[in-house]
């Protein structure tokens, strides 16, 4: 990892900690959902509680990836400092990598309340090894959503990014079986969800934390979505750069 990437990551992390409301918001909704829906209805079932804990961890991570990242990127574009950074010879890679790494750190922090609640109030089976694997899995599971956040952030103003990121995130979370159990949904929704990136992310997380074999169709779909959204994020960045310097 280059020193430039580390410098950008450090700068962005300090920026997050100075205004921590984004981290608090990413952690609050999954923690409240854990207390309101998981503990009363599945807390006494070790298998169900473990899977639900993974879903709530993923919910916080993906919320941070899509909503928080899109808003911060769009706000950065509106600052006078941003055009100057683009003139520096380092290129866009350190800034992209620094943004991704700082977002990952924020996502890992957002899952702490969910894990604490699960350990204190449920029968979820969470060992140090399981939690370590789950945190690593969050990297792959959240990557397309971080790229989606970058795409929205580069395409829209900060006010538009707030609305669009939320509109995009919550249907994906519901239809992908993260916010609600996929088994409780109609059959056609269960089939549709296999082709959404959120379902693939959920399958990865449920495998990591509960040992449930992932659906290969969902994983293949996740890989395809990752490539497609990565291409869109790069295109959006170049489009924004071309508009600023044309």
C-alpha atoms as a PDB file:
ATOM      1  CA  UNK A   1       0.000   0.000   0.000  1.00  0.00           C
ATOM      2  CA  UNK A   2       1.440   3.358  -1.031  1.00  0.00           C
ATOM      3  CA  UNK A   3       2.122   6.195   1.372  1.00  0.00           C
ATOM      4  CA  UNK A   4      -0.284   8.374  -0.619  1.00  0.00           C
ATOM      5  CA  UNK A   5      -3.117   5.906  -0.061  1.00  0.00           C
ATOM      6  CA  UNK A   6      -2.338   5.766   3.651  1.00  0.00           C
ATOM      7  CA  UNK A   7      -2.274   9.555   3.808  1.00  0.00           C
ATOM      8  CA  UNK A   8      -5.671   9.841   2.144  1.00  0.00           C
ATOM      9  CA  UNK A   9      -7.087   7.100   4.402  1.00  0.00           C
ATOM     10  CA  UNK A  10      -5.791   8.835   7.525  1.00  0.00           C
ATOM     11  CA  UNK A  11      -7.195  12.188   6.411  1.00  0.00           C
ATOM     12  CA  UNK A  12     -10.634  10.714   5.675  1.00  0.00           C
ATOM     13  CA  UNK A  13     -10.726   8.778   8.962  1.00  0.00           C
ATOM     14  CA  UNK A  14      -9.929  11.926  10.937  1.00  0.00           C
ATOM     15  CA  UNK A  15     -12.660  13.711   9.016  1.00  0.00           C
ATOM     16  CA  UNK A  16     -15.166  10.989   9.964  1.00  0.00           C
ATOM     17  CA  UNK A  17     -14.211  11.068  13.630  1.00  0.00           C
ATOM     18  CA  UNK A  18     -14.499  14.844  13.799  1.00  0.00           C
ATOM     19  CA  UNK A  19     -18.129  14.615  12.652  1.00  0.00           C
ATOM     20  CA  UNK A  20     -19.175  11.140  13.845  1.00  0.00           C
ATOM     21  CA  UNK A  21     -22.903  11.486  13.141  1.00  0.00           C
ATOM     22  CA  UNK A  22     -22.525   9.320  10.020  1.00  0.00           C
ATOM     23  CA  UNK A  23     -20.999   6.486  12.044  1.00  0.00           C
ATOM     24  CA  UNK A  24     -23.683   6.834  14.698  1.00  0.00           C
ATOM     25  CA  UNK A  25     -26.460   6.733  12.091  1.00  0.00           C
ATOM     26  CA  UNK A  26     -25.002   3.630  10.410  1.00  0.00           C
ATOM     27  CA  UNK A  27     -24.887   1.796  13.739  1.00  0.00           C
ATOM     28  CA  UNK A  28     -28.189   3.033  15.168  1.00  0.00           C
ATOM     29  CA  UNK A  29     -30.732   1.485  12.785  1.00  0.00           C
ATOM     30  CA  UNK A  30     -29.287  -2.077  12.815  1.00  0.00           C
ATOM     31  CA  UNK A  31     -28.919  -1.966  16.615  1.00  0.00           C
ATOM     32  CA  UNK A  32     -32.529  -0.835  17.073  1.00  0.00           C
ATOM     33  CA  UNK A  33     -33.723  -3.468  14.587  1.00  0.00           C
ATOM     34  CA  UNK A  34     -31.773  -6.089  16.535  1.00  0.00           C
ATOM     35  CA  UNK A  35     -33.456  -5.089  19.791  1.00  0.00           C
ATOM     36  CA  UNK A  36     -36.943  -4.687  18.316  1.00  0.00           C
ATOM     37  CA  UNK A  37     -37.192  -7.634  15.938  1.00  0.00           C
ATOM     38  CA  UNK A  38     -34.417 -10.171  16.426  1.00  0.00           C
ATOM     39  CA  UNK A  39     -34.157 -10.472  20.213  1.00  0.00           C
ATOM     40  CA  UNK A  40     -37.927 -10.864  20.913  1.00  0.00           C
ATOM     41  CA  UNK A  41     -38.663 -13.288  18.072  1.00  0.00           C
ATOM     42  CA  UNK A  42     -35.433 -15.196  17.396  1.00  0.00           C
ATOM     43  CA  UNK A  43     -33.199 -14.535  20.374  1.00  0.00           C
ATOM     44  CA  UNK A  44     -33.791 -17.939  21.958  1.00  0.00           C
ATOM     45  CA  UNK A  45     -33.062 -19.879  18.749  1.00  0.00           C
ATOM     46  CA  UNK A  46     -29.272 -20.184  18.328  1.00  0.00           C
ATOM     47  CA  UNK A  47     -29.383 -20.804  14.562  1.00  0.00           C
ATOM     48  CA  UNK A  48     -31.922 -18.060  13.802  1.00  0.00           C
ATOM     49  CA  UNK A  49     -30.240 -15.582  16.141  1.00  0.00           C
ATOM     50  CA  UNK A  50     -26.841 -16.199  14.568  1.00  0.00           C
ATOM     51  CA  UNK A  51     -28.128 -15.717  11.039  1.00  0.00           C
ATOM     52  CA  UNK A  52     -30.096 -12.609  12.042  1.00  0.00           C
ATOM     53  CA  UNK A  53     -27.008 -11.154  13.709  1.00  0.00           C
ATOM     54  CA  UNK A  54     -25.139 -11.543  10.433  1.00  0.00           C
ATOM     55  CA  UNK A  55     -27.985  -9.817   8.591  1.00  0.00           C
ATOM     56  CA  UNK A  56     -27.992  -6.869  11.001  1.00  0.00           C
ATOM     57  CA  UNK A  57     -24.202  -6.552  10.782  1.00  0.00           C
ATOM     58  CA  UNK A  58     -24.501  -6.486   7.007  1.00  0.00           C
ATOM     59  CA  UNK A  59     -27.358  -3.988   7.155  1.00  0.00           C
ATOM     60  CA  UNK A  60     -25.201  -1.485   9.035  1.00  0.00           C
ATOM     61  CA  UNK A  61     -22.231  -2.059   6.757  1.00  0.00           C
ATOM     62  CA  UNK A  62     -24.200  -1.638   3.537  1.00  0.00           C
ATOM     63  CA  UNK A  63     -25.974   1.439   4.866  1.00  0.00           C
ATOM     64  CA  UNK A  64     -22.590   2.999   5.555  1.00  0.00           C
ATOM     65  CA  UNK A  65     -21.307   1.882   2.158  1.00  0.00           C
ATOM     66  CA  UNK A  66     -24.152   3.308   0.072  1.00  0.00           C
ATOM     67  CA  UNK A  67     -25.673   6.202   1.981  1.00  0.00           C
ATOM     68  CA  UNK A  68     -22.724   7.618   3.901  1.00  0.00           C
ATOM     69  CA  UNK A  69     -20.234   7.197   1.064  1.00  0.00           C
ATOM     70  CA  UNK A  70     -22.459   8.735  -1.592  1.00  0.00           C
ATOM     71  CA  UNK A  71     -23.166  11.764   0.595  1.00  0.00           C
ATOM     72  CA  UNK A  72     -19.540  12.379   1.581  1.00  0.00           C
ATOM     73  CA  UNK A  73     -18.280  12.020  -2.006  1.00  0.00           C
ATOM     74  CA  UNK A  74     -20.921  14.398  -3.351  1.00  0.00           C
ATOM     75  CA  UNK A  75     -20.147  16.902  -0.582  1.00  0.00           C
ATOM     76  CA  UNK A  76     -16.426  16.675  -1.373  1.00  0.00           C
ATOM     77  CA  UNK A  77     -17.130  17.545  -5.006  1.00  0.00           C
ATOM     78  CA  UNK A  78     -18.831  20.744  -3.894  1.00  0.00           C
ATOM     79  CA  UNK A  79     -15.812  21.951  -1.920  1.00  0.00           C
ATOM     80  CA  UNK A  80     -13.225  24.275  -3.551  1.00  0.00           C
ATOM     81  CA  UNK A  81     -10.453  21.971  -2.265  1.00  0.00           C
ATOM     82  CA  UNK A  82     -11.591  19.150  -4.543  1.00  0.00           C
ATOM     83  CA  UNK A  83     -10.575  20.644  -7.928  1.00  0.00           C
ATOM     84  CA  UNK A  84      -7.121  21.368  -6.552  1.00  0.00           C
ATOM     85  CA  UNK A  85      -6.665  17.744  -5.419  1.00  0.00           C
ATOM     86  CA  UNK A  86      -7.483  16.581  -8.929  1.00  0.00           C
ATOM     87  CA  UNK A  87      -4.618  18.613 -10.353  1.00  0.00           C
ATOM     88  CA  UNK A  88      -2.019  16.799  -8.238  1.00  0.00           C
ATOM     89  CA  UNK A  89       0.171  14.212 -10.023  1.00  0.00           C
ATOM     90  CA  UNK A  90      -0.812  11.309  -7.724  1.00  0.00           C
ATOM     91  CA  UNK A  91      -3.869  10.487  -9.835  1.00  0.00           C
ATOM     92  CA  UNK A  92      -7.266   9.207  -8.670  1.00  0.00           C
ATOM     93  CA  UNK A  93      -6.180   5.776  -7.331  1.00  0.00           C
ATOM     94  CA  UNK A  94      -4.930   6.890  -3.881  1.00  0.00           C
ATOM     95  CA  UNK A  95      -8.113   8.886  -3.344  1.00  0.00           C
ATOM     96  CA  UNK A  96     -10.311   5.979  -4.462  1.00  0.00           C
ATOM     97  CA  UNK A  97      -8.411   3.515  -2.291  1.00  0.00           C
ATOM     98  CA  UNK A  98      -8.350   5.860   0.684  1.00  0.00           C
ATOM     99  CA  UNK A  99     -12.098   6.386   0.424  1.00  0.00           C
ATOM    100  CA  UNK A 100     -12.727   2.621   0.263  1.00  0.00           C
ATOM    101  CA  UNK A 101     -10.423   1.885   3.224  1.00  0.00           C
ATOM    102  CA  UNK A 102     -11.897   4.613   5.410  1.00  0.00           C
ATOM    103  CA  UNK A 103     -15.389   3.357   4.549  1.00  0.00           C
ATOM    104  CA  UNK A 104     -14.380  -0.171   5.550  1.00  0.00           C
ATOM    105  CA  UNK A 105     -13.150   1.102   8.901  1.00  0.00           C
ATOM    106  CA  UNK A 106     -16.447   2.919   9.405  1.00  0.00           C
ATOM    107  CA  UNK A 107     -18.394  -0.227   8.523  1.00  0.00           C
ATOM    108  CA  UNK A 108     -16.451  -2.336  11.004  1.00  0.00           C
ATOM    109  CA  UNK A 109     -17.173   0.217  13.722  1.00  0.00           C
ATOM    110  CA  UNK A 110     -20.885   0.215  12.831  1.00  0.00           C
ATOM    111  CA  UNK A 111     -21.289  -3.514  13.546  1.00  0.00           C
ATOM    112  CA  UNK A 112     -20.006  -3.310  17.145  1.00  0.00           C
ATOM    113  CA  UNK A 113     -23.399  -2.465  18.737  1.00  0.00           C
ATOM    114  CA  UNK A 114     -25.088  -5.356  16.903  1.00  0.00           C
ATOM    115  CA  UNK A 115     -22.478  -7.831  18.109  1.00  0.00           C
ATOM    116  CA  UNK A 116     -22.679  -6.552  21.688  1.00  0.00           C
ATOM    117  CA  UNK A 117     -26.485  -6.867  21.694  1.00  0.00           C
ATOM    118  CA  UNK A 118     -26.338 -10.359  20.207  1.00  0.00           C
ATOM    119  CA  UNK A 119     -23.842 -11.566  22.807  1.00  0.00           C
ATOM    120  CA  UNK A 120     -25.716  -9.982  25.708  1.00  0.00           C
ATOM    121  CA  UNK A 121     -29.339 -10.768  24.876  1.00  0.00           C
ATOM    122  CA  UNK A 122     -29.493 -13.726  22.479  1.00  0.00           C
ATOM    123  CA  UNK A 123     -28.329 -17.304  22.039  1.00  0.00           C
ATOM    124  CA  UNK A 124     -26.363 -16.467  18.888  1.00  0.00           C
ATOM    125  CA  UNK A 125     -23.250 -18.593  18.423  1.00  0.00           C
ATOM    126  CA  UNK A 126     -20.497 -16.014  17.935  1.00  0.00           C
ATOM    127  CA  UNK A 127     -16.936 -17.162  18.477  1.00  0.00           C
ATOM    128  CA  UNK A 128     -13.861 -14.965  17.914  1.00  0.00           C
ATOM    129  CA  UNK A 129     -13.030 -16.993  14.799  1.00  0.00           C
ATOM    130  CA  UNK A 130     -16.566 -16.593  13.437  1.00  0.00           C
ATOM    131  CA  UNK A 131     -16.588 -12.872  14.062  1.00  0.00           C
ATOM    132  CA  UNK A 132     -13.165 -12.469  12.463  1.00  0.00           C
ATOM    133  CA  UNK A 133     -14.329 -14.306   9.337  1.00  0.00           C
ATOM    134  CA  UNK A 134     -17.531 -12.236   9.264  1.00  0.00           C
ATOM    135  CA  UNK A 135     -15.590  -8.968   9.419  1.00  0.00           C
ATOM    136  CA  UNK A 136     -13.358 -10.082   6.551  1.00  0.00           C
ATOM    137  CA  UNK A 137     -16.393 -11.215   4.574  1.00  0.00           C
ATOM    138  CA  UNK A 138     -17.885  -7.747   4.936  1.00  0.00           C
ATOM    139  CA  UNK A 139     -15.137  -6.502   2.616  1.00  0.00           C
ATOM    140  CA  UNK A 140     -16.293  -8.623  -0.320  1.00  0.00           C
ATOM    141  CA  UNK A 141     -19.975  -8.355   0.591  1.00  0.00           C
ATOM    142  CA  UNK A 142     -19.942  -4.569   0.743  1.00  0.00           C
ATOM    143  CA  UNK A 143     -17.645  -3.836  -2.223  1.00  0.00           C
ATOM    144  CA  UNK A 144     -20.372  -3.402  -4.873  1.00  0.00           C
ATOM    145  CA  UNK A 145     -22.287  -1.147  -2.489  1.00  0.00           C
ATOM    146  CA  UNK A 146     -19.254   1.037  -1.848  1.00  0.00           C
ATOM    147  CA  UNK A 147     -18.834   1.314  -5.611  1.00  0.00           C
ATOM    148  CA  UNK A 148     -22.524   2.194  -5.878  1.00  0.00           C
ATOM    149  CA  UNK A 149     -21.991   4.910  -3.277  1.00  0.00           C
ATOM    150  CA  UNK A 150     -19.087   6.282  -5.328  1.00  0.00           C
ATOM    151  CA  UNK A 151     -21.195   6.223  -8.482  1.00  0.00           C
ATOM    152  CA  UNK A 152     -24.063   8.145  -6.872  1.00  0.00           C
ATOM    153  CA  UNK A 153     -21.643  10.575  -5.212  1.00  0.00           C
ATOM    154  CA  UNK A 154     -19.875  11.401  -8.484  1.00  0.00           C
ATOM    155  CA  UNK A 155     -23.105  11.736 -10.432  1.00  0.00           C
ATOM    156  CA  UNK A 156     -25.239  13.880  -8.130  1.00  0.00           C
ATOM    157  CA  UNK A 157     -25.278  16.830  -5.783  1.00  0.00           C
ATOM    158  CA  UNK A 158     -25.242  16.174  -2.061  1.00  0.00           C
ATOM    159  CA  UNK A 159     -28.971  16.879  -1.700  1.00  0.00           C
ATOM    160  CA  UNK A 160     -29.857  14.496  -4.511  1.00  0.00           C
ATOM    161  CA  UNK A 161     -27.420  11.859  -3.226  1.00  0.00           C
ATOM    162  CA  UNK A 162     -29.198  11.723   0.143  1.00  0.00           C
ATOM    163  CA  UNK A 163     -32.522  10.850  -1.474  1.00  0.00           C
ATOM    164  CA  UNK A 164     -31.227   8.574  -4.246  1.00  0.00           C
ATOM    165  CA  UNK A 165     -28.956   6.520  -1.971  1.00  0.00           C
ATOM    166  CA  UNK A 166     -31.801   5.851   0.464  1.00  0.00           C
ATOM    167  CA  UNK A 167     -34.248   5.004  -2.307  1.00  0.00           C
ATOM    168  CA  UNK A 168     -31.694   2.582  -3.766  1.00  0.00           C
ATOM    169  CA  UNK A 169     -30.588   1.031  -0.481  1.00  0.00           C
ATOM    170  CA  UNK A 170     -33.788   0.098   1.339  1.00  0.00           C
ATOM    171  CA  UNK A 171     -35.483  -1.861  -1.493  1.00  0.00           C
ATOM    172  CA  UNK A 172     -32.225  -3.746  -2.051  1.00  0.00           C
ATOM    173  CA  UNK A 173     -31.978  -4.546   1.672  1.00  0.00           C
ATOM    174  CA  UNK A 174     -35.570  -5.792   1.805  1.00  0.00           C
ATOM    175  CA  UNK A 175     -35.625  -7.762  -1.456  1.00  0.00           C
ATOM    176  CA  UNK A 176     -32.193  -9.244  -0.748  1.00  0.00           C
ATOM    177  CA  UNK A 177     -33.383 -10.815   2.496  1.00  0.00           C
ATOM    178  CA  UNK A 178     -31.213  -8.670   4.753  1.00  0.00           C
ATOM    179  CA  UNK A 179     -33.839  -6.545   6.463  1.00  0.00           C
ATOM    180  CA  UNK A 180     -36.516  -9.283   6.377  1.00  0.00           C
ATOM    181  CA  UNK A 181     -36.026 -13.081   6.264  1.00  0.00           C
ATOM    182  CA  UNK A 182     -36.055 -14.235   2.661  1.00  0.00           C
ATOM    183  CA  UNK A 183     -38.133 -17.297   3.653  1.00  0.00           C
ATOM    184  CA  UNK A 184     -41.035 -15.022   4.630  1.00  0.00           C
ATOM    185  CA  UNK A 185     -41.293 -13.487   1.158  1.00  0.00           C
ATOM    186  CA  UNK A 186     -43.383 -14.679  -1.815  1.00  0.00           C
ATOM    187  CA  UNK A 187     -41.806 -17.195  -4.147  1.00  0.00           C
ATOM    188  CA  UNK A 188     -41.313 -14.775  -7.022  1.00  0.00           C
ATOM    189  CA  UNK A 189     -39.482 -12.355  -4.701  1.00  0.00           C
ATOM    190  CA  UNK A 190     -37.207 -15.163  -3.512  1.00  0.00           C
ATOM    191  CA  UNK A 191     -36.345 -15.950  -7.136  1.00  0.00           C
ATOM    192  CA  UNK A 192     -35.842 -12.279  -8.032  1.00  0.00           C
ATOM    193  CA  UNK A 193     -33.573 -11.721  -5.047  1.00  0.00           C
ATOM    194  CA  UNK A 194     -31.051 -14.220  -6.399  1.00  0.00           C
ATOM    195  CA  UNK A 195     -30.158 -11.689  -9.097  1.00  0.00           C
ATOM    196  CA  UNK A 196     -29.706  -8.729  -6.740  1.00  0.00           C
ATOM    197  CA  UNK A 197     -26.305  -7.830  -5.253  1.00  0.00           C
ATOM    198  CA  UNK A 198     -27.812  -7.622  -1.778  1.00  0.00           C
ATOM    199  CA  UNK A 199     -28.810 -11.298  -1.866  1.00  0.00           C
ATOM    200  CA  UNK A 200     -25.285 -12.323  -2.857  1.00  0.00           C
ATOM    201  CA  UNK A 201     -23.871 -10.212  -0.023  1.00  0.00           C
ATOM    202  CA  UNK A 202     -26.300 -11.840   2.373  1.00  0.00           C
ATOM    203  CA  UNK A 203     -25.369 -15.325   1.202  1.00  0.00           C
ATOM    204  CA  UNK A 204     -21.700 -14.568   1.842  1.00  0.00           C
ATOM    205  CA  UNK A 205     -22.440 -13.218   5.300  1.00  0.00           C
ATOM    206  CA  UNK A 206     -24.701 -16.110   6.304  1.00  0.00           C
ATOM    207  CA  UNK A 207     -22.003 -18.529   5.218  1.00  0.00           C
ATOM    208  CA  UNK A 208     -19.339 -16.732   7.228  1.00  0.00           C
ATOM    209  CA  UNK A 209     -21.305 -16.345  10.442  1.00  0.00           C
ATOM    210  CA  UNK A 210     -23.670 -19.325  10.411  1.00  0.00           C
ATOM    211  CA  UNK A 211     -22.054 -21.862   8.073  1.00  0.00           C
ATOM    212  CA  UNK A 212     -24.986 -21.831   5.614  1.00  0.00           C
ATOM    213  CA  UNK A 213     -23.980 -22.955   2.124  1.00  0.00           C
ATOM    214  CA  UNK A 214     -24.322 -19.988  -0.262  1.00  0.00           C
ATOM    215  CA  UNK A 215     -26.429 -20.142  -3.411  1.00  0.00           C
ATOM    216  CA  UNK A 216     -24.085 -20.191  -6.458  1.00  0.00           C
ATOM    217  CA  UNK A 217     -26.505 -18.128  -8.567  1.00  0.00           C
ATOM    218  CA  UNK A 218     -26.533 -15.368  -5.962  1.00  0.00           C
ATOM    219  CA  UNK A 219     -22.723 -15.384  -5.749  1.00  0.00           C
ATOM    220  CA  UNK A 220     -22.341 -15.242  -9.537  1.00  0.00           C
ATOM    221  CA  UNK A 221     -24.814 -12.371  -9.645  1.00  0.00           C
ATOM    222  CA  UNK A 222     -22.838 -10.540  -6.939  1.00  0.00           C
ATOM    223  CA  UNK A 223     -19.635 -10.891  -8.975  1.00  0.00           C
ATOM    224  CA  UNK A 224     -21.313  -9.563 -12.130  1.00  0.00           C
ATOM    225  CA  UNK A 225     -22.846  -6.624 -10.274  1.00  0.00           C
ATOM    226  CA  UNK A 226     -19.465  -5.779  -8.748  1.00  0.00           C
ATOM    227  CA  UNK A 227     -17.828  -5.546 -12.173  1.00  0.00           C
ATOM    228  CA  UNK A 228     -20.701  -3.554 -13.679  1.00  0.00           C
ATOM    229  CA  UNK A 229     -20.940  -1.049 -10.817  1.00  0.00           C
ATOM    230  CA  UNK A 230     -17.137  -0.658 -10.750  1.00  0.00           C
ATOM    231  CA  UNK A 231     -17.229   0.301 -14.432  1.00  0.00           C
ATOM    232  CA  UNK A 232     -20.044   2.769 -13.737  1.00  0.00           C
ATOM    233  CA  UNK A 233     -18.133   4.332 -10.824  1.00  0.00           C
ATOM    234  CA  UNK A 234     -15.019   4.840 -12.978  1.00  0.00           C
ATOM    235  CA  UNK A 235     -17.148   6.275 -15.789  1.00  0.00           C
ATOM    236  CA  UNK A 236     -18.896   8.665 -13.359  1.00  0.00           C
ATOM    237  CA  UNK A 237     -15.540   9.852 -12.004  1.00  0.00           C
ATOM    238  CA  UNK A 238     -14.145  10.495 -15.482  1.00  0.00           C
ATOM    239  CA  UNK A 239     -17.363  12.218 -16.518  1.00  0.00           C
ATOM    240  CA  UNK A 240     -17.206  14.499 -13.485  1.00  0.00           C
ATOM    241  CA  UNK A 241     -13.520  15.198 -14.083  1.00  0.00           C
ATOM    242  CA  UNK A 242     -14.143  15.998 -17.742  1.00  0.00           C
ATOM    243  CA  UNK A 243     -16.927  18.420 -16.890  1.00  0.00           C
ATOM    244  CA  UNK A 244     -14.756  20.253 -14.372  1.00  0.00           C
ATOM    245  CA  UNK A 245     -11.765  20.681 -16.669  1.00  0.00           C
ATOM    246  CA  UNK A 246     -13.478  21.097 -20.012  1.00  0.00           C
END
